[in-house]
């Protein structure tokens, strides 16, 4: 990831990264498209597209999205274990 960030920073080259793990997203300005199960959502700024609502819809369960010091992460909300039986 560091090499990709350096390449982007030094050359301004557009980099396309496909990941299912938000922790792999580089810090800095991002344009992205959140995956969906329904109709495609338009691409946009990460802050507008990587929302708890969009990712919860995609994964079919409640998801919380966090951003700390420019880094992204998402976690599934813990379900009541009694509903798993």
Protein backbone atom coordinates (compact mmCIF):
# COMPACT_ATOMS: atom_id res chain seq x y z
CA UNK A 1 0.00 0.00 0.00
CA UNK A 2 2.84 2.35 0.76
CA UNK A 3 4.22 1.87 -2.76
CA UNK A 4 0.82 2.62 -4.31
CA UNK A 5 0.51 5.75 -2.19
CA UNK A 6 3.99 6.90 -3.22
CA UNK A 7 3.20 6.26 -6.89
CA UNK A 8 -0.01 8.27 -6.67
CA UNK A 9 1.61 11.10 -4.69
CA UNK A 10 4.67 11.44 -6.94
CA UNK A 11 3.08 10.96 -10.36
CA UNK A 12 -0.61 11.77 -9.92
CA UNK A 13 -1.39 8.47 -11.62
CA UNK A 14 -4.94 7.23 -11.13
CA UNK A 15 -4.97 3.98 -9.19
CA UNK A 16 -7.91 1.58 -9.16
CA UNK A 17 -8.03 -0.63 -6.09
CA UNK A 18 -10.66 -3.31 -5.48
CA UNK A 19 -10.95 -4.51 -1.90
CA UNK A 20 -13.50 -5.90 0.52
CA UNK A 21 -11.51 -4.70 3.51
CA UNK A 22 -11.75 -0.98 4.22
CA UNK A 23 -8.50 -1.13 6.19
CA UNK A 24 -6.69 -1.50 2.86
CA UNK A 25 -7.90 1.84 1.56
CA UNK A 26 -5.12 4.40 1.45
CA UNK A 27 -5.46 7.62 3.41
CA UNK A 28 -6.22 10.73 1.45
CA UNK A 29 -8.86 11.74 -1.04
CA UNK A 30 -10.77 8.80 -2.45
CA UNK A 31 -13.43 8.38 -5.06
CA UNK A 32 -15.15 5.07 -4.67
CA UNK A 33 -18.21 2.98 -5.34
CA UNK A 34 -19.75 0.96 -2.54
CA UNK A 35 -20.81 -2.55 -3.56
CA UNK A 36 -24.55 -3.20 -3.50
CA UNK A 37 -26.95 -6.10 -3.79
CA UNK A 38 -29.52 -3.92 -5.52
CA UNK A 39 -29.24 -1.19 -8.10
CA UNK A 40 -25.75 0.24 -8.53
CA UNK A 41 -25.00 3.38 -6.63
CA UNK A 42 -23.08 6.12 -8.37
CA UNK A 43 -19.42 6.59 -7.47
CA UNK A 44 -18.53 9.49 -5.23
CA UNK A 45 -16.36 10.67 -2.39
CA UNK A 46 -15.64 7.96 0.18
CA UNK A 47 -17.35 9.95 2.94
CA UNK A 48 -20.57 9.90 0.90
CA UNK A 49 -20.44 6.32 -0.38
CA UNK A 50 -18.84 4.25 2.39
CA UNK A 51 -21.71 4.70 4.80
CA UNK A 52 -23.08 2.34 7.41
CA UNK A 53 -26.37 2.30 5.51
CA UNK A 54 -24.78 1.31 2.19
CA UNK A 55 -22.53 -1.38 3.66
CA UNK A 56 -25.30 -2.78 5.89
CA UNK A 57 -27.45 -3.17 2.78
CA UNK A 58 -24.61 -4.84 0.90
CA UNK A 59 -23.77 -7.37 3.60
CA UNK A 60 -27.32 -7.94 4.81
CA UNK A 61 -26.55 -7.13 8.43
CA UNK A 62 -25.85 -4.02 10.49
CA UNK A 63 -22.38 -2.60 9.90
CA UNK A 64 -20.66 0.30 11.62
CA UNK A 65 -18.13 2.37 9.67
CA UNK A 66 -15.29 4.24 11.33
CA UNK A 67 -12.65 6.63 10.14
CA UNK A 68 -9.71 7.50 12.36
CA UNK A 69 -6.67 9.53 11.27
CA UNK A 70 -7.64 9.09 7.62
CA UNK A 71 -7.97 5.30 7.83
CA UNK A 72 -11.22 3.40 7.33
CA UNK A 73 -12.58 0.31 9.05
CA UNK A 74 -15.95 -1.38 9.33
CA UNK A 75 -17.30 -3.88 11.81
CA UNK A 76 -20.43 -5.97 11.86
CA UNK A 77 -22.67 -5.29 14.81
CA UNK A 78 -22.88 -8.26 17.15
CA UNK A 79 -26.16 -10.09 16.79
CA UNK A 80 -28.01 -11.60 19.69
CA UNK A 81 -26.51 -15.11 19.94
CA UNK A 82 -29.91 -16.60 20.76
CA UNK A 83 -31.03 -15.74 17.21
CA UNK A 84 -28.21 -17.89 15.76
CA UNK A 85 -29.69 -21.23 16.93
